[in-house]
N, C-alpha and C. Protein backbone atom coordinates (compact mmCIF):
# COMPACT_ATOMS: atom_id res chain seq x y z
N LYS A 1 1.02 -1.27 -0.42
CA LYS A 1 -0.60 -0.36 0.05
C LYS A 1 1.00 1.46 -0.01
N GLN A 2 0.15 2.12 -0.79
CA GLN A 2 1.86 3.67 -0.81
C GLN A 2 0.79 3.89 0.56
N LYS A 3 2.14 5.06 0.50
CA LYS A 3 2.05 5.89 2.12
C LYS A 3 1.56 6.90 2.13
N THR A 4 0.38 7.21 2.79
CA THR A 4 -0.50 8.26 2.47
C THR A 4 0.53 9.66 2.77
N ALA A 5 0.60 11.09 2.68
CA ALA A 5 1.59 12.43 2.71
C ALA A 5 1.23 12.42 4.59
N TYR A 6 0.32 12.12 5.62
CA TYR A 6 0.55 12.14 6.95
C TYR A 6 0.78 11.70 7.15
N GLU A 7 1.57 10.03 6.67
CA GLU A 7 1.67 8.67 7.33
C GLU A 7 3.21 8.70 7.16
N ILE A 8 3.87 10.39 6.27
CA ILE A 8 5.83 9.86 6.30
C ILE A 8 6.01 10.64 6.98
N THR A 9 7.18 10.02 7.53
CA THR A 9 7.75 10.51 8.98
C THR A 9 8.97 11.69 8.00
N TYR A 10 9.19 12.79 8.78
CA TYR A 10 10.80 13.57 8.55
C TYR A 10 11.30 13.25 7.93
N GLY A 11 12.18 11.46 7.86
CA GLY A 11 13.18 11.37 7.35
C GLY A 11 12.56 10.76 5.72
N ASP A 12 11.05 10.32 5.21
CA ASP A 12 11.17 10.27 4.42
C ASP A 12 10.65 10.98 3.92
N TRP A 13 10.99 12.58 3.54
CA TRP A 13 10.87 13.52 2.96
C TRP A 13 12.13 13.51 1.80
N SER A 14 12.62 13.37 1.48
CA SER A 14 14.15 12.93 1.20
C SER A 14 13.47 13.48 -0.59
N SER A 15 13.53 12.43 -0.65
CA SER A 15 12.40 12.26 -2.13
C SER A 15 11.33 12.93 -2.21
N ASP A 16 10.80 12.60 -3.76
CA ASP A 16 9.23 13.28 -4.16
C ASP A 16 8.26 12.64 -3.89
N VAL A 17 7.57 13.42 -3.31
CA VAL A 17 5.76 12.62 -2.55
C VAL A 17 4.98 13.34 -3.18
N CYS A 18 3.89 12.03 -3.28
CA CYS A 18 2.23 12.28 -4.14
C CYS A 18 1.25 11.90 -3.20
N SER A 19 0.38 12.54 -2.94
CA SER A 19 -0.66 12.49 -1.93
C SER A 19 -1.54 11.22 -3.39
N SER A 20 -1.67 11.07 -4.36
CA SER A 20 -2.46 10.77 -4.98
C SER A 20 -3.82 9.36 -4.55
N ASP A 21 -3.09 8.60 -3.79
CA ASP A 21 -4.27 8.44 -2.64
C ASP A 21 -5.13 8.75 -2.04
N LEU A 22 -4.37 10.29 -1.72
CA LEU A 22 -5.37 10.80 -1.13
C LEU A 22 -6.48 11.93 -1.57
N ILE A 23 -6.38 12.21 -2.88
CA ILE A 23 -6.74 13.43 -2.99
C ILE A 23 -6.96 13.49 -4.81
N GLY A 24 -6.60 12.06 -4.68
CA GLY A 24 -6.61 11.90 -6.90
C GLY A 24 -6.40 12.91 -7.90
N ARG A 25 -7.00 13.17 -8.44
CA ARG A 25 -6.33 13.48 -9.90
C ARG A 25 -5.63 15.42 -9.19
N ASP A 26 -6.52 15.34 -8.21
CA ASP A 26 -5.64 16.90 -7.97
C ASP A 26 -4.32 16.66 -6.64
N CYS A 27 -3.37 15.65 -7.55
CA CYS A 27 -2.39 15.36 -7.23
C CYS A 27 -1.25 16.50 -5.98
N ILE A 28 -0.76 16.72 -5.37
CA ILE A 28 0.35 17.20 -5.04
C ILE A 28 1.46 17.09 -4.75
N VAL A 29 2.76 17.91 -5.16
CA VAL A 29 3.69 17.19 -4.96
C VAL A 29 5.11 17.83 -4.49
N VAL A 30 5.15 16.96 -2.89
CA VAL A 30 6.04 18.03 -2.38
C VAL A 30 7.39 17.06 -2.15
N LEU A 31 8.37 18.23 -2.50
CA LEU A 31 9.71 18.42 -2.72
C LEU A 31 10.38 18.71 -1.38
N GLY A 32 11.95 17.91 -0.98
CA GLY A 32 11.94 18.04 -0.23
C GLY A 32 12.27 19.50 0.79
N MET A 33 12.67 20.67 -0.68
CA MET A 33 13.16 21.83 -1.03
C MET A 33 11.20 22.49 -0.11
N ASP A 34 10.66 22.00 -0.30
CA ASP A 34 9.08 22.55 0.11
C ASP A 34 9.26 22.27 1.41
N VAL A 35 9.58 20.77 2.22
CA VAL A 35 9.12 20.55 3.47
C VAL A 35 9.89 21.74 4.14
N ASN A 36 11.32 22.03 3.45
CA ASN A 36 12.62 22.30 4.75
C ASN A 36 12.13 24.12 4.84
N THR A 37 10.74 24.47 3.61
CA THR A 37 9.98 26.23 4.54
C THR A 37 8.96 25.97 6.07
N LEU A 38 9.55 24.30 6.14
CA LEU A 38 8.69 24.06 7.78
C LEU A 38 9.80 24.39 8.98
N LYS A 39 10.86 24.42 8.93
CA LYS A 39 11.90 25.06 9.99
C LYS A 39 11.15 25.88 10.25
N PRO A 40 12.42 26.40 11.17
CA PRO A 40 12.12 27.42 12.55
C PRO A 40 12.33 28.75 11.49
N ARG A 41 11.57 30.46 11.57
CA ARG A 41 12.01 31.25 10.87
C ARG A 41 12.28 31.11 9.16
N GLN A 42 11.32 30.44 8.81
CA GLN A 42 11.17 30.42 7.21
C GLN A 42 9.41 30.93 7.14
N CYS A 43 9.90 30.92 5.31
CA CYS A 43 8.15 31.65 4.91
C CYS A 43 7.76 30.16 4.29
N LEU A 44 6.51 29.77 4.45
CA LEU A 44 5.96 28.60 4.11
C LEU A 44 5.42 29.13 2.21
N ASN A 45 6.12 28.02 1.86
CA ASN A 45 5.88 28.34 0.07
C ASN A 45 4.42 28.29 -0.44
N ASP A 46 4.03 28.01 -1.38
CA ASP A 46 2.87 28.13 -1.94
C ASP A 46 2.35 26.40 -2.03
N THR A 47 3.26 25.57 -2.46
CA THR A 47 3.20 24.06 -2.69
C THR A 47 2.99 23.40 -0.80
N ILE A 48 3.35 24.19 0.01
CA ILE A 48 2.49 23.14 1.72
C ILE A 48 1.72 23.76 2.16
N ILE A 49 0.97 25.21 1.53
CA ILE A 49 0.27 26.22 1.83
C ILE A 49 -1.48 24.82 1.51
N LYS A 50 -0.79 24.80 -0.20
CA LYS A 50 -1.94 24.37 -1.46
C LYS A 50 -2.22 22.23 -0.36
N PHE A 51 -1.24 22.50 0.15
CA PHE A 51 -1.44 20.64 0.30
C PHE A 51 -1.79 20.71 1.83
N TRP A 52 -1.89 21.48 2.87
CA TRP A 52 -2.33 21.71 4.06
C TRP A 52 -3.65 22.04 3.43
N LEU A 53 -4.47 22.79 2.70
CA LEU A 53 -5.63 23.19 2.72
C LEU A 53 -5.85 21.61 1.86
N ASN A 54 -5.71 21.40 0.86
CA ASN A 54 -5.93 20.26 0.27
C ASN A 54 -6.29 18.60 1.27
N TRP A 55 -5.31 19.05 2.29
CA TRP A 55 -5.54 17.81 3.74
C TRP A 55 -6.61 17.94 4.37
N LEU A 56 -6.64 19.44 4.31
CA LEU A 56 -7.99 19.83 5.64
C LEU A 56 -9.17 19.12 4.70
N SER A 57 -9.17 19.49 3.85
CA SER A 57 -10.42 18.86 3.08
C SER A 57 -11.06 17.30 2.13
N THR A 58 -9.93 16.25 3.11
CA THR A 58 -9.74 14.96 2.62
C THR A 58 -10.63 14.60 3.73
N PRO A 59 -10.88 13.33 3.37
CA PRO A 59 -11.54 12.35 4.33
C PRO A 59 -10.43 11.34 4.83
N ARG A 60 -10.92 11.65 6.30
CA ARG A 60 -9.51 10.57 6.74
C ARG A 60 -9.90 8.97 6.98
N SER A 61 -11.13 8.36 6.61
CA SER A 61 -10.49 6.97 6.34
C SER A 61 -11.87 6.68 5.16
N PRO A 62 -11.84 5.46 5.30
CA PRO A 62 -12.74 4.88 4.24
C PRO A 62 -13.65 5.41 4.13
N CYS A 63 -14.98 5.49 5.29
CA CYS A 63 -15.93 5.49 6.18
C CYS A 63 -16.41 7.06 5.99
N ASP A 64 -15.65 7.65 6.02
CA ASP A 64 -16.03 9.28 6.09
C ASP A 64 -15.90 9.77 4.22
N THR A 65 -17.27 9.34 3.62
CA THR A 65 -17.39 9.43 2.64
C THR A 65 -17.93 11.24 2.55
N ALA A 66 -18.47 12.08 3.70
CA ALA A 66 -19.16 13.24 3.40
C ALA A 66 -18.40 14.31 4.34
N ALA A 67 -17.61 15.07 3.22
CA ALA A 67 -16.56 15.80 4.31
C ALA A 67 -17.35 16.91 4.56
N GLU A 68 -17.10 17.42 5.20
CA GLU A 68 -17.71 18.79 6.34
C GLU A 68 -17.43 20.26 6.03
N VAL A 69 -16.57 20.20 5.20
CA VAL A 69 -15.19 20.58 4.68
C VAL A 69 -15.19 21.42 3.41
N HIS A 70 -14.81 22.85 2.88
CA HIS A 70 -15.14 23.01 1.33
C HIS A 70 -14.10 24.33 1.44
N VAL A 71 -12.38 23.50 0.15
CA VAL A 71 -11.67 24.41 0.60
C VAL A 71 -11.14 25.27 -0.99
N PHE A 72 -11.83 26.38 -0.76
CA PHE A 72 -11.54 26.61 -2.59
C PHE A 72 -10.49 27.08 -3.42
N SER A 73 -10.64 27.27 -4.54
CA SER A 73 -8.93 27.54 -5.08
C SER A 73 -8.68 29.07 -4.52
N SER A 74 -7.38 28.76 -4.60
CA SER A 74 -6.71 30.17 -4.46
C SER A 74 -7.05 31.15 -5.47
N PHE A 75 -7.08 30.87 -6.38
CA PHE A 75 -7.50 31.32 -7.53
C PHE A 75 -8.97 31.87 -7.09
N PHE A 76 -10.18 31.05 -6.75
CA PHE A 76 -11.31 32.12 -6.70
C PHE A 76 -12.02 33.55 -6.31
N ILE A 77 -11.59 33.42 -5.23
CA ILE A 77 -11.27 35.10 -5.02
C ILE A 77 -10.68 36.05 -5.96
N SER A 78 -9.77 36.01 -6.57
CA SER A 78 -9.14 37.14 -6.97
C SER A 78 -9.79 36.75 -8.41
N GLY A 79 -10.23 35.57 -9.10
CA GLY A 79 -11.45 35.47 -10.10
C GLY A 79 -12.95 35.86 -9.45
N VAL A 80 -12.79 36.30 -8.37
CA VAL A 80 -14.74 36.76 -8.30
C VAL A 80 -13.88 38.16 -8.22
N MET A 81 -13.38 38.86 -7.13
CA MET A 81 -12.96 40.10 -7.66
C MET A 81 -12.27 40.45 -8.92
N ASP A 82 -12.26 40.25 -9.64
CA ASP A 82 -12.25 40.43 -11.28
C ASP A 82 -12.79 40.99 -12.08
N ASN A 83 -14.01 39.70 -12.61
CA ASN A 83 -14.91 39.04 -12.97
C ASN A 83 -15.81 39.01 -12.25
N GLY A 84 -16.43 39.41 -11.26
CA GLY A 84 -17.90 39.29 -11.07
C GLY A 84 -17.99 37.70 -9.95
N TYR A 85 -19.68 37.28 -10.25
CA TYR A 85 -19.80 35.93 -9.87
C TYR A 85 -20.37 35.62 -10.99
N ASN A 86 -19.42 35.84 -12.30
CA ASN A 86 -20.65 35.54 -13.18
C ASN A 86 -20.97 33.97 -13.12
N GLN A 87 -21.58 33.28 -14.66
CA GLN A 87 -21.64 32.22 -14.66
C GLN A 87 -20.51 31.56 -15.10
N SER A 88 -19.41 32.13 -15.20
CA SER A 88 -17.90 31.06 -15.33
C SER A 88 -17.75 30.81 -14.03
N MET A 89 -17.79 31.60 -13.04
CA MET A 89 -17.19 31.27 -11.79
C MET A 89 -17.86 30.62 -11.01
N GLN A 90 -19.87 30.79 -11.14
CA GLN A 90 -20.03 29.56 -10.60
C GLN A 90 -20.16 28.63 -10.84
N LYS A 91 -19.40 27.64 -12.10
CA LYS A 91 -19.44 26.99 -12.66
C LYS A 91 -18.54 25.63 -11.74
N TRP A 92 -17.68 26.37 -10.65
CA TRP A 92 -16.65 26.13 -9.42
C TRP A 92 -17.25 25.81 -8.99
N LEU A 93 -18.98 26.23 -8.79
CA LEU A 93 -19.92 25.36 -7.36
C LEU A 93 -21.35 24.23 -8.14
N LYS A 94 -20.67 24.37 -8.95
CA LYS A 94 -21.62 23.35 -10.22
C LYS A 94 -22.34 22.63 -8.87
N ARG A 95 -21.26 21.75 -8.84
CA ARG A 95 -21.60 20.31 -8.04
C ARG A 95 -21.54 20.20 -6.65
N VAL A 96 -20.88 21.01 -5.99
CA VAL A 96 -21.16 21.57 -4.23
C VAL A 96 -22.02 22.43 -3.65
N ASN A 97 -22.61 21.95 -3.04
CA ASN A 97 -23.29 23.05 -2.53
C ASN A 97 -23.87 23.52 -1.04
N ILE A 98 -22.58 24.31 -1.39
CA ILE A 98 -21.71 24.91 0.82
C ILE A 98 -22.57 25.13 1.25
N PHE A 99 -24.05 25.26 1.76
CA PHE A 99 -24.17 24.83 3.09
C PHE A 99 -24.29 23.43 3.11
N GLU A 100 -24.31 22.56 3.07
CA GLU A 100 -24.50 21.57 3.62
C GLU A 100 -22.71 21.38 4.40
N ARG A 101 -21.91 21.89 4.43
CA ARG A 101 -20.51 22.49 5.08
C ARG A 101 -21.03 22.70 5.95
N LYS A 102 -19.95 22.29 6.68
CA LYS A 102 -19.89 23.39 8.29
C LYS A 102 -18.72 24.75 8.44
N LEU A 103 -17.71 23.82 7.20
CA LEU A 103 -16.47 25.14 7.28
C LEU A 103 -15.43 25.35 6.63
N LEU A 104 -16.02 26.73 5.56
CA LEU A 104 -15.83 27.27 4.39
C LEU A 104 -14.50 27.57 3.48
N ILE A 105 -13.49 27.56 3.80
CA ILE A 105 -12.52 27.87 3.98
C ILE A 105 -12.10 29.01 2.32
N PHE A 106 -11.72 29.64 2.68
CA PHE A 106 -11.53 31.05 0.72
C PHE A 106 -9.71 31.86 1.14
N PRO A 107 -8.92 30.58 0.81
CA PRO A 107 -7.54 30.97 0.69
C PRO A 107 -7.57 32.11 -0.51
N VAL A 108 -6.67 33.51 0.15
CA VAL A 108 -6.50 34.27 -0.49
C VAL A 108 -5.10 34.62 -0.90
N HIS A 109 -4.40 34.84 -1.84
CA HIS A 109 -2.88 34.91 -2.16
C HIS A 109 -3.32 36.84 -2.84
N ALA A 110 -2.22 37.29 -2.77
CA ALA A 110 -2.22 38.73 -2.94
C ALA A 110 -1.03 39.38 -2.64
N GLY A 111 -0.79 39.51 -3.88
CA GLY A 111 0.74 41.11 -3.45
C GLY A 111 2.13 39.78 -2.56
N HIS A 112 2.11 38.24 -3.19
CA HIS A 112 2.92 37.74 -2.45
C HIS A 112 2.62 37.85 -0.80
N HIS A 113 1.39 37.23 -0.91
CA HIS A 113 1.25 37.85 1.21
C HIS A 113 -0.08 36.69 0.47
N TRP A 114 -0.56 35.83 2.18
CA TRP A 114 -1.31 34.99 1.73
C TRP A 114 -2.09 34.59 3.24
N SER A 115 -3.64 34.75 3.39
CA SER A 115 -4.24 35.23 4.49
C SER A 115 -5.29 33.97 4.04
N LEU A 116 -6.43 33.82 5.24
CA LEU A 116 -7.43 32.81 4.96
C LEU A 116 -8.72 33.34 5.04
N VAL A 117 -9.79 33.29 4.91
CA VAL A 117 -11.43 33.98 5.02
C VAL A 117 -11.67 32.13 5.31
N ALA A 118 -12.77 31.78 6.72
CA ALA A 118 -13.49 30.64 7.00
C ALA A 118 -15.00 31.37 7.77
N VAL A 119 -15.34 30.35 6.79
CA VAL A 119 -16.76 30.55 7.05
C VAL A 119 -17.19 30.00 8.17
N ILE A 120 -17.88 29.44 8.98
CA ILE A 120 -18.78 28.18 9.31
C ILE A 120 -20.18 28.75 9.80
N ASN A 121 -20.72 27.86 9.76
CA ASN A 121 -21.38 27.31 9.65
C ASN A 121 -23.06 28.31 8.73
N PRO A 122 -22.66 27.86 7.06
CA PRO A 122 -23.41 28.86 6.57
C PRO A 122 -24.77 28.68 6.66
N LYS A 123 -24.84 27.03 6.55
CA LYS A 123 -26.54 27.11 6.39
C LYS A 123 -27.26 27.47 7.57
N LEU A 124 -27.01 28.43 8.87
CA LEU A 124 -27.37 28.61 9.81
C LEU A 124 -27.29 30.41 10.00
N ILE A 125 -27.60 30.85 8.98
CA ILE A 125 -27.24 32.21 8.33
C ILE A 125 -29.22 32.91 9.52
N MET A 126 -29.72 31.79 8.45
CA MET A 126 -31.47 32.84 9.21
C MET A 126 -31.33 32.35 10.77
N GLN A 127 -30.61 31.56 12.18
CA GLN A 127 -31.16 31.85 12.95
C GLN A 127 -30.16 32.61 13.34
N THR A 128 -29.14 32.64 13.02
CA THR A 128 -28.00 33.61 13.25
C THR A 128 -28.21 35.18 13.23
N LYS A 129 -29.25 35.56 12.40
CA LYS A 129 -30.04 36.61 12.08
C LYS A 129 -30.95 36.84 13.17
N ARG A 130 -32.20 35.44 13.11
CA ARG A 130 -32.76 35.45 14.69
C ARG A 130 -32.20 35.87 15.81
N GLY A 131 -31.66 34.92 15.80
CA GLY A 131 -30.60 35.45 17.35
C GLY A 131 -30.18 36.74 17.51
N LEU A 132 -30.36 37.15 15.90
CA LEU A 132 -29.59 38.83 16.87
C LEU A 132 -30.85 39.90 16.48
N SER A 133 -31.61 39.37 16.04
CA SER A 133 -32.47 40.82 15.98
C SER A 133 -33.74 40.86 17.35
N THR A 134 -33.45 39.34 17.93
CA THR A 134 -33.99 39.89 19.75
C THR A 134 -33.10 40.07 20.08
N GLN A 135 -31.98 40.74 20.10
CA GLN A 135 -31.12 41.26 20.84
C GLN A 135 -30.84 40.29 22.31
N ASN A 136 -31.60 39.29 22.04
CA ASN A 136 -31.31 38.27 23.48
C ASN A 136 -29.39 38.00 23.72
N LEU A 137 -28.69 38.77 24.74
CA LEU A 137 -27.48 38.50 25.44
C LEU A 137 -27.01 36.70 25.57
N ASN A 138 -28.42 36.78 26.18
CA ASN A 138 -28.29 35.14 26.50
C ASN A 138 -28.42 34.49 25.62
N TYR A 139 -28.46 34.36 24.59
CA TYR A 139 -28.69 33.92 23.21
C TYR A 139 -26.96 32.46 23.13
N THR A 140 -27.63 31.38 23.20
CA THR A 140 -26.07 30.64 23.26
C THR A 140 -25.80 29.48 21.70
N GLY A 141 -26.76 29.56 20.90
CA GLY A 141 -27.20 28.80 19.96
C GLY A 141 -26.15 28.80 18.91
N ASP A 142 -25.20 28.09 17.59
CA ASP A 142 -24.77 27.63 17.24
C ASP A 142 -25.04 28.96 15.89
N VAL A 143 -24.16 29.57 15.60
CA VAL A 143 -23.91 30.85 14.73
C VAL A 143 -23.86 30.69 13.61
N SER A 144 -23.50 31.70 12.66
CA SER A 144 -23.32 31.61 11.00
C SER A 144 -21.78 32.72 11.44
N CYS A 145 -20.80 32.42 11.31
CA CYS A 145 -19.75 33.88 11.27
C CYS A 145 -18.41 34.12 9.70
N MET A 146 -18.08 34.80 10.34
CA MET A 146 -16.83 34.66 8.54
C MET A 146 -15.38 36.25 9.09
N ILE A 147 -14.42 34.63 9.09
CA ILE A 147 -13.45 35.24 9.99
C ILE A 147 -12.16 35.36 9.03
N HIS A 148 -11.26 36.37 9.33
CA HIS A 148 -10.01 36.81 8.25
C HIS A 148 -9.26 36.33 8.90
N PHE A 149 -7.83 35.58 8.94
CA PHE A 149 -6.83 34.51 9.42
C PHE A 149 -5.24 35.51 8.69
N ASP A 150 -4.87 36.53 9.05
CA ASP A 150 -3.63 37.31 8.38
C ASP A 150 -2.72 38.14 9.73
N SER A 151 -1.50 36.34 9.18
CA SER A 151 -0.40 36.99 10.18
C SER A 151 -0.15 38.17 10.16
N LEU A 152 -0.10 38.99 9.48
CA LEU A 152 0.31 40.44 9.42
C LEU A 152 -0.81 41.49 10.11
N GLY A 153 -1.94 41.22 10.82
CA GLY A 153 -2.97 41.82 11.49
C GLY A 153 -3.11 43.21 10.75
N SER A 154 -3.41 44.20 11.94
CA SER A 154 -3.89 45.53 11.18
C SER A 154 -3.28 45.69 10.24
N PHE A 155 -2.63 45.00 9.77
CA PHE A 155 -1.06 46.14 9.07
C PHE A 155 -1.45 44.99 7.26
N THR A 156 -2.14 44.02 7.77
CA THR A 156 -2.59 43.14 6.48
C THR A 156 -2.73 44.45 5.10
N ILE A 157 -1.76 43.61 4.21
CA ILE A 157 -2.10 44.52 2.33
C ILE A 157 -2.94 43.79 1.89
N HIS A 158 -3.89 42.72 2.37
CA HIS A 158 -4.97 42.47 1.34
C HIS A 158 -6.02 43.14 1.84
N ASP A 159 -6.76 44.24 0.58
CA ASP A 159 -8.20 44.44 1.50
C ASP A 159 -9.31 43.43 1.44
N ARG A 160 -9.84 43.93 3.26
CA ARG A 160 -10.71 43.02 4.08
C ARG A 160 -12.01 43.77 3.46
N ALA A 161 -12.23 44.77 3.81
CA ALA A 161 -13.16 45.19 2.90
C ALA A 161 -13.85 44.70 1.87
N GLN A 162 -13.60 44.77 1.06
CA GLN A 162 -13.49 44.21 -0.71
C GLN A 162 -13.38 42.15 -0.41
N ILE A 163 -12.48 41.89 -0.34
CA ILE A 163 -12.73 40.46 0.60
C ILE A 163 -14.14 40.22 1.26
N GLY A 164 -14.62 40.20 1.97
CA GLY A 164 -15.79 40.31 3.11
C GLY A 164 -16.99 40.26 1.68
N ASN A 165 -16.63 41.71 0.99
CA ASN A 165 -17.52 42.01 0.04
C ASN A 165 -17.95 40.79 -1.08
N VAL A 166 -16.74 39.92 -1.40
CA VAL A 166 -16.84 39.23 -2.49
C VAL A 166 -17.35 37.78 -1.40
N VAL A 167 -17.16 37.35 -0.41
CA VAL A 167 -17.99 36.04 0.30
C VAL A 167 -19.12 36.32 0.26
N ARG A 168 -19.68 37.60 -0.01
CA ARG A 168 -20.92 37.61 0.88
C ARG A 168 -21.78 37.56 -0.34
N LEU A 169 -21.03 38.30 -2.13
CA LEU A 169 -21.79 37.43 -2.87
C LEU A 169 -21.57 36.33 -3.52
N VAL A 170 -21.31 35.97 -2.85
CA VAL A 170 -20.94 34.27 -3.63
C VAL A 170 -22.18 33.92 -3.01
N LEU A 171 -21.94 33.85 -1.37
CA LEU A 171 -23.32 33.51 -0.46
C LEU A 171 -24.23 33.35 -1.39
N ASN A 172 -24.62 34.98 -1.02
CA ASN A 172 -25.96 35.22 -0.95
C ASN A 172 -26.27 34.54 -2.93
N LYS A 173 -25.39 34.79 -4.05
CA LYS A 173 -25.73 34.06 -4.81
C LYS A 173 -26.26 32.55 -4.51
N GLU A 174 -25.41 31.61 -3.66
CA GLU A 174 -25.63 30.07 -3.91
C GLU A 174 -26.56 30.06 -3.23
N TRP A 175 -27.23 31.27 -2.18
CA TRP A 175 -28.25 30.64 -1.43
C TRP A 175 -29.52 30.66 -2.17
N GLU A 176 -29.28 32.00 -2.81
CA GLU A 176 -30.52 31.86 -3.88
C GLU A 176 -30.95 31.30 -4.68
N ARG A 177 -29.99 29.93 -4.94
CA ARG A 177 -29.56 29.10 -6.12
C ARG A 177 -30.18 28.33 -5.68
N TYR A 178 -29.87 27.66 -3.76
CA TYR A 178 -30.90 26.42 -2.90
C TYR A 178 -31.86 27.13 -1.98
N TYR A 179 -32.45 28.49 -1.76
CA TYR A 179 -33.61 28.04 -0.80
C TYR A 179 -33.86 29.44 -1.05
N ASN A 180 -33.49 30.67 -1.46
CA ASN A 180 -34.75 31.67 -1.51
C ASN A 180 -36.00 31.25 -2.48
N ASN A 181 -36.36 30.97 -2.13
CA ASN A 181 -38.31 31.46 -2.66
C ASN A 181 -38.99 32.37 -2.55
N ALA A 182 -38.41 33.99 -1.96
CA ALA A 182 -39.07 34.54 -1.64
C ALA A 182 -39.54 35.60 -2.84
N ILE A 183 -40.84 36.48 -2.41
CA ILE A 183 -40.35 37.46 -3.77
C ILE A 183 -39.55 37.89 -3.19
N ASP A 184 -39.71 38.84 -1.99
CA ASP A 184 -37.95 39.90 -1.97
C ASP A 184 -37.25 39.34 -2.11
N LYS A 185 -36.53 39.33 -3.66
CA LYS A 185 -34.70 38.29 -3.52
C LYS A 185 -33.63 40.17 -2.98
N THR A 186 -34.64 41.61 -2.84
CA THR A 186 -32.91 42.25 -2.28
C THR A 186 -32.69 42.08 -0.77
N ASN A 187 -33.32 40.89 -0.60
CA ASN A 187 -33.91 40.73 1.27
C ASN A 187 -32.17 39.92 1.15
N LEU A 188 -31.07 39.94 1.08
CA LEU A 188 -30.02 38.80 1.31
C LEU A 188 -29.55 39.13 2.49
N PRO A 189 -29.87 37.75 2.83
CA PRO A 189 -29.54 37.28 4.23
C PRO A 189 -28.05 37.56 4.76
N PHE A 190 -26.99 37.02 3.78
CA PHE A 190 -25.44 37.55 4.28
C PHE A 190 -25.43 39.23 4.16
N ASN A 191 -25.05 40.00 5.13
CA ASN A 191 -24.93 41.48 4.88
C ASN A 191 -24.29 41.83 6.04
N HIS A 192 -23.57 43.12 5.06
CA HIS A 192 -22.94 43.84 6.28
C HIS A 192 -23.10 43.53 7.85
N ARG A 193 -24.63 44.22 8.10
CA ARG A 193 -24.82 43.95 9.76
C ARG A 193 -24.98 42.72 10.03
N SER A 194 -25.85 41.78 9.29
CA SER A 194 -25.67 39.64 10.25
C SER A 194 -24.27 38.88 10.22
N PHE A 195 -23.73 39.62 9.11
CA PHE A 195 -22.53 38.85 8.67
C PHE A 195 -21.44 39.21 8.53
N LYS A 196 -20.57 40.26 9.68
CA LYS A 196 -19.75 40.61 9.81
C LYS A 196 -18.19 39.71 9.78
N LEU A 197 -16.96 40.76 9.28
CA LEU A 197 -15.87 39.43 8.81
C LEU A 197 -15.33 40.45 10.10
N HIS A 198 -14.91 39.23 10.36
CA HIS A 198 -14.42 39.18 11.98
C HIS A 198 -13.21 39.20 12.14
N CYS A 199 -12.22 39.85 12.33
CA CYS A 199 -10.14 40.22 12.23
C CYS A 199 -9.43 39.47 13.99
N PRO A 200 -9.44 38.48 13.92
CA PRO A 200 -8.96 38.40 15.52
C PRO A 200 -7.91 38.78 15.24
N PHE A 201 -7.80 39.83 16.58
CA PHE A 201 -5.43 39.81 16.22
C PHE A 201 -5.13 39.02 17.17
N GLY A 202 -3.98 38.52 17.38
CA GLY A 202 -3.61 37.39 18.55
C GLY A 202 -3.65 36.16 17.58
N LYS A 203 -2.41 35.55 17.96
CA LYS A 203 -1.86 33.93 17.80
C LYS A 203 -2.91 33.43 18.47
N SER A 204 -3.38 33.58 20.01
CA SER A 204 -3.63 32.31 20.83
C SER A 204 -5.23 32.49 19.87
N HIS A 205 -6.16 33.50 20.14
CA HIS A 205 -6.85 34.06 19.76
C HIS A 205 -7.41 33.52 19.22
N ALA A 206 -6.87 33.49 17.42
CA ALA A 206 -7.36 32.53 15.99
C ALA A 206 -7.02 30.99 16.48
N ILE A 207 -6.07 31.13 16.86
CA ILE A 207 -6.21 29.55 17.18
C ILE A 207 -7.51 29.09 17.93
N ARG A 208 -7.77 29.17 19.17
CA ARG A 208 -9.30 29.44 20.16
C ARG A 208 -9.95 28.38 18.86
N ARG A 209 -10.14 29.61 18.41
CA ARG A 209 -11.03 30.27 17.03
C ARG A 209 -11.77 28.82 16.49
N ILE A 210 -10.47 28.58 15.33
CA ILE A 210 -10.63 27.53 13.96
C ILE A 210 -10.06 26.74 14.05
N ILE A 211 -9.07 26.17 15.80
CA ILE A 211 -8.52 24.59 15.31
C ILE A 211 -9.38 23.28 15.82
N PRO A 212 -10.36 23.70 17.03
CA PRO A 212 -11.04 23.52 17.51
C PRO A 212 -12.63 22.82 16.76
N LEU A 213 -12.68 23.14 15.77
CA LEU A 213 -13.67 23.21 15.56
C LEU A 213 -13.01 22.76 13.94
N ILE A 214 -11.40 22.80 13.39
CA ILE A 214 -11.28 21.08 12.23
C ILE A 214 -10.90 19.94 13.09
N THR A 215 -10.72 19.83 15.04
CA THR A 215 -10.23 19.23 15.44
C THR A 215 -11.32 18.17 15.27
N ARG A 216 -12.57 18.93 15.53
CA ARG A 216 -14.13 18.14 15.83
C ARG A 216 -13.97 17.37 14.18
N ILE A 217 -14.05 17.91 12.96
CA ILE A 217 -14.96 17.42 12.14
C ILE A 217 -13.97 16.80 11.45
N HIS A 218 -12.63 16.52 11.38
CA HIS A 218 -11.80 15.49 11.44
C HIS A 218 -11.90 14.00 12.79
N ARG A 219 -12.63 14.01 13.64
CA ARG A 219 -13.13 12.85 14.55
C ARG A 219 -14.01 12.17 14.32
N ARG A 220 -14.60 12.41 13.18
CA ARG A 220 -15.72 11.81 12.71
C ARG A 220 -16.19 10.77 12.49
N CYS A 221 -15.18 9.75 12.33
CA CYS A 221 -14.49 8.70 12.19
C CYS A 221 -14.09 7.58 13.26
């Protein structure tokens, strides 16, 4: 049996590795020079980041057939920014109902810098709006939220306002395709008030928000 990428020890990385048994046609070849970027005080390169993103949405076992994570291509956000969410971009989600996933990951790569937007529980947006509208300070139910993770913090070179608008645009279009049968099509569920872009500062705060969710998802089987 071929070793899977996450089973390979550090000593095995001297040769090229392909995780084809994990991600099929979306095979990513990891070279020794790529792995060296994992060492302290080194910048991660594109290959390592793309490998990690694919790993997040890869089933952990044969019985794990319904992944709860959807990772978008690193070209998706920039494509919508340049062209809008047109028919060509909508084909990227032709076979995916993103509202069946608990975690959506939008990688952002611009200006030789990576950041990431995580959307948690997108299907719960209406429940979230109701919880906010009642102004119930004791509300403890699950909610939808959007978080931008950027190692540069407030010094980021990425336009957070534009990124937030792009993600809301995509979510609203997909919501209309699956769920919006109302006469008033202008009442968009994902708006600036009910679906803000949260920007945590500090490593520990960010990890506390996202790592436990990923851990729970990967303990399904």
